[in-house]
N, C-alpha and C. Protein backbone atom coordinates (compact mmCIF):
# COMPACT_ATOMS: atom_id res chain seq x y z
N UNK A 1 -0.81 12.36 7.11
CA UNK A 1 -0.50 11.09 6.52
C UNK A 1 0.76 10.53 7.17
N UNK A 2 0.70 9.27 7.56
CA UNK A 2 1.79 8.62 8.26
C UNK A 2 2.72 7.97 7.24
N UNK A 3 4.01 8.07 7.50
CA UNK A 3 4.98 7.46 6.60
C UNK A 3 5.00 5.95 6.78
N UNK A 4 5.36 5.25 5.73
CA UNK A 4 5.35 3.80 5.75
C UNK A 4 6.33 3.25 6.78
N UNK A 5 7.48 3.89 6.93
CA UNK A 5 8.47 3.40 7.89
C UNK A 5 7.92 3.48 9.32
N UNK A 6 7.16 4.51 9.62
CA UNK A 6 6.56 4.62 10.94
C UNK A 6 5.54 3.51 11.16
N UNK A 7 4.82 3.13 10.10
CA UNK A 7 3.84 2.05 10.21
C UNK A 7 4.53 0.71 10.40
N UNK A 8 5.69 0.54 9.78
CA UNK A 8 6.41 -0.73 9.92
C UNK A 8 6.87 -0.97 11.36
N UNK A 9 7.04 0.09 12.11
CA UNK A 9 7.49 -0.03 13.50
C UNK A 9 6.37 -0.42 14.46
N UNK A 10 5.13 -0.41 13.99
CA UNK A 10 3.99 -0.73 14.85
C UNK A 10 3.81 -2.24 15.00
N UNK A 11 3.12 -2.64 16.05
CA UNK A 11 2.82 -4.05 16.26
C UNK A 11 1.70 -4.49 15.33
N UNK A 12 1.50 -5.80 15.23
CA UNK A 12 0.44 -6.34 14.38
C UNK A 12 -0.93 -5.87 14.84
N UNK A 13 -1.15 -5.87 16.14
CA UNK A 13 -2.44 -5.43 16.67
C UNK A 13 -2.71 -3.96 16.38
N UNK A 14 -1.68 -3.14 16.51
CA UNK A 14 -1.83 -1.71 16.23
C UNK A 14 -2.12 -1.48 14.74
N UNK A 15 -1.49 -2.25 13.87
CA UNK A 15 -1.77 -2.13 12.44
C UNK A 15 -3.22 -2.50 12.14
N UNK A 16 -3.70 -3.59 12.74
CA UNK A 16 -5.08 -4.00 12.54
C UNK A 16 -6.05 -2.93 13.03
N UNK A 17 -5.75 -2.35 14.18
CA UNK A 17 -6.60 -1.31 14.74
C UNK A 17 -6.64 -0.09 13.82
N UNK A 18 -5.47 0.36 13.37
CA UNK A 18 -5.42 1.52 12.49
C UNK A 18 -6.12 1.27 11.17
N UNK A 19 -6.02 0.06 10.67
CA UNK A 19 -6.70 -0.29 9.43
C UNK A 19 -8.21 -0.20 9.62
N UNK A 20 -8.70 -0.72 10.71
CA UNK A 20 -10.12 -0.64 11.00
C UNK A 20 -10.60 0.79 11.13
N UNK A 21 -9.83 1.61 11.83
CA UNK A 21 -10.19 3.02 12.00
C UNK A 21 -10.16 3.76 10.66
N UNK A 22 -9.17 3.46 9.83
CA UNK A 22 -9.08 4.11 8.52
C UNK A 22 -10.26 3.71 7.63
N UNK A 23 -10.68 2.45 7.71
CA UNK A 23 -11.83 2.01 6.93
C UNK A 23 -13.11 2.69 7.39
N UNK A 24 -13.26 2.85 8.71
CA UNK A 24 -14.43 3.56 9.23
C UNK A 24 -14.44 5.01 8.75
N UNK A 25 -13.28 5.64 8.79
CA UNK A 25 -13.17 7.02 8.34
C UNK A 25 -13.47 7.13 6.85
N UNK A 26 -12.99 6.19 6.07
CA UNK A 26 -13.26 6.17 4.63
C UNK A 26 -14.76 6.04 4.38
N UNK A 27 -15.42 5.17 5.11
CA UNK A 27 -16.87 5.00 4.99
C UNK A 27 -17.60 6.31 5.32
N UNK A 28 -17.17 6.96 6.39
CA UNK A 28 -17.78 8.22 6.80
C UNK A 28 -17.57 9.30 5.73
N UNK A 29 -16.38 9.36 5.17
CA UNK A 29 -16.10 10.35 4.14
C UNK A 29 -16.94 10.11 2.88
N UNK A 30 -17.09 8.84 2.51
CA UNK A 30 -17.90 8.53 1.34
C UNK A 30 -19.34 8.96 1.55
N UNK A 31 -19.86 8.73 2.74
CA UNK A 31 -21.23 9.15 3.04
C UNK A 31 -21.37 10.67 3.01
N UNK A 32 -20.37 11.38 3.50
CA UNK A 32 -20.39 12.83 3.44
C UNK A 32 -20.40 13.32 2.00
N UNK A 33 -19.62 12.67 1.16
CA UNK A 33 -19.56 13.07 -0.25
C UNK A 33 -20.92 12.86 -0.91
N UNK A 34 -21.62 11.83 -0.53
CA UNK A 34 -22.94 11.56 -1.11
C UNK A 34 -23.97 12.60 -0.66
N UNK A 35 -23.71 13.23 0.47
CA UNK A 35 -24.66 14.21 1.01
C UNK A 35 -24.33 15.64 0.56
N UNK A 36 -23.64 15.76 -0.55
CA UNK A 36 -23.32 17.05 -1.16
C UNK A 36 -22.35 17.91 -0.36
N UNK A 37 -21.44 17.31 0.34
CA UNK A 37 -20.36 18.06 0.99
C UNK A 37 -19.09 17.94 0.16
N UNK A 38 -19.24 17.87 -1.13
CA UNK A 38 -18.10 17.62 -2.02
C UNK A 38 -17.10 18.77 -2.04
N UNK A 39 -17.57 19.97 -1.88
CA UNK A 39 -16.67 21.12 -2.02
C UNK A 39 -15.74 21.29 -0.82
N UNK A 40 -16.03 20.62 0.28
CA UNK A 40 -15.25 20.83 1.49
C UNK A 40 -13.86 20.22 1.43
N UNK A 41 -13.76 18.93 1.22
CA UNK A 41 -12.46 18.27 1.20
C UNK A 41 -12.44 17.14 0.18
N UNK A 42 -12.42 17.45 -1.10
CA UNK A 42 -12.44 16.39 -2.10
C UNK A 42 -11.14 15.59 -2.17
N UNK A 43 -10.04 16.16 -1.70
CA UNK A 43 -8.75 15.49 -1.78
C UNK A 43 -8.55 14.43 -0.70
N UNK A 44 -9.36 14.43 0.33
CA UNK A 44 -9.15 13.53 1.46
C UNK A 44 -9.52 12.09 1.11
N UNK A 45 -10.51 11.89 0.28
CA UNK A 45 -10.97 10.55 -0.07
C UNK A 45 -9.86 9.71 -0.71
N UNK A 46 -9.16 10.18 -1.73
CA UNK A 46 -8.06 9.38 -2.29
C UNK A 46 -6.92 9.14 -1.30
N UNK A 47 -6.65 10.13 -0.45
CA UNK A 47 -5.61 9.96 0.56
C UNK A 47 -5.97 8.85 1.54
N UNK A 48 -7.22 8.81 1.94
CA UNK A 48 -7.67 7.79 2.90
C UNK A 48 -7.64 6.41 2.25
N UNK A 49 -8.01 6.33 0.97
CA UNK A 49 -7.95 5.05 0.26
C UNK A 49 -6.51 4.54 0.19
N UNK A 50 -5.58 5.44 -0.06
CA UNK A 50 -4.16 5.04 -0.10
C UNK A 50 -3.67 4.58 1.27
N UNK A 51 -4.13 5.25 2.32
CA UNK A 51 -3.75 4.85 3.67
C UNK A 51 -4.25 3.45 3.99
N UNK A 52 -5.50 3.15 3.63
CA UNK A 52 -6.05 1.81 3.84
C UNK A 52 -5.25 0.79 3.05
N UNK A 53 -4.94 1.10 1.80
CA UNK A 53 -4.16 0.17 0.96
C UNK A 53 -2.77 -0.06 1.55
N UNK A 54 -2.15 1.00 2.05
CA UNK A 54 -0.81 0.88 2.64
C UNK A 54 -0.86 -0.03 3.88
N UNK A 55 -1.87 0.15 4.71
CA UNK A 55 -2.00 -0.66 5.91
C UNK A 55 -2.26 -2.13 5.56
N UNK A 56 -3.15 -2.36 4.58
CA UNK A 56 -3.43 -3.74 4.17
C UNK A 56 -2.20 -4.41 3.58
N UNK A 57 -1.40 -3.66 2.85
CA UNK A 57 -0.17 -4.20 2.28
C UNK A 57 0.79 -4.63 3.37
N UNK A 58 0.97 -3.79 4.39
CA UNK A 58 1.87 -4.14 5.48
C UNK A 58 1.37 -5.36 6.25
N UNK A 59 0.07 -5.43 6.47
CA UNK A 59 -0.51 -6.58 7.17
C UNK A 59 -0.26 -7.86 6.36
N UNK A 60 -0.46 -7.76 5.04
CA UNK A 60 -0.25 -8.92 4.17
C UNK A 60 1.23 -9.33 4.14
N UNK A 61 2.14 -8.36 4.10
CA UNK A 61 3.56 -8.67 4.11
C UNK A 61 3.95 -9.43 5.37
N UNK A 62 3.41 -9.00 6.50
CA UNK A 62 3.73 -9.68 7.76
C UNK A 62 3.16 -11.09 7.80
N UNK A 63 1.98 -11.27 7.25
CA UNK A 63 1.36 -12.60 7.21
C UNK A 63 2.21 -13.54 6.35
N UNK A 64 2.70 -13.05 5.24
CA UNK A 64 3.54 -13.86 4.36
C UNK A 64 4.86 -14.20 5.06
N UNK A 65 5.43 -13.24 5.75
CA UNK A 65 6.69 -13.46 6.45
C UNK A 65 6.55 -14.49 7.56
N UNK A 66 5.39 -14.53 8.21
CA UNK A 66 5.17 -15.50 9.29
C UNK A 66 5.02 -16.91 8.76
N UNK A 67 4.41 -17.05 7.59
CA UNK A 67 4.22 -18.40 7.03
C UNK A 67 5.47 -18.90 6.34
N UNK A 68 6.39 -18.00 6.01
CA UNK A 68 7.66 -18.42 5.43
C UNK A 68 7.62 -18.58 3.93
N UNK A 69 6.62 -18.08 3.28
CA UNK A 69 6.55 -18.20 1.81
C UNK A 69 7.03 -16.95 1.16
């Protein structure tokens, strides 16, 4: 799990890329859970959701800062 401060140091494009990759990984994990692989890594799903939320929050903060509101 990456710390928020490390994410703040990334460029806008890198944040967008990481967000897309995290969403793909979340989708893959959800599909694995549906296929009865629940006992393997049940803790990863909430962690990945938090990572996606953290990335979206940083992207939104930067968008607000650019518009000046």
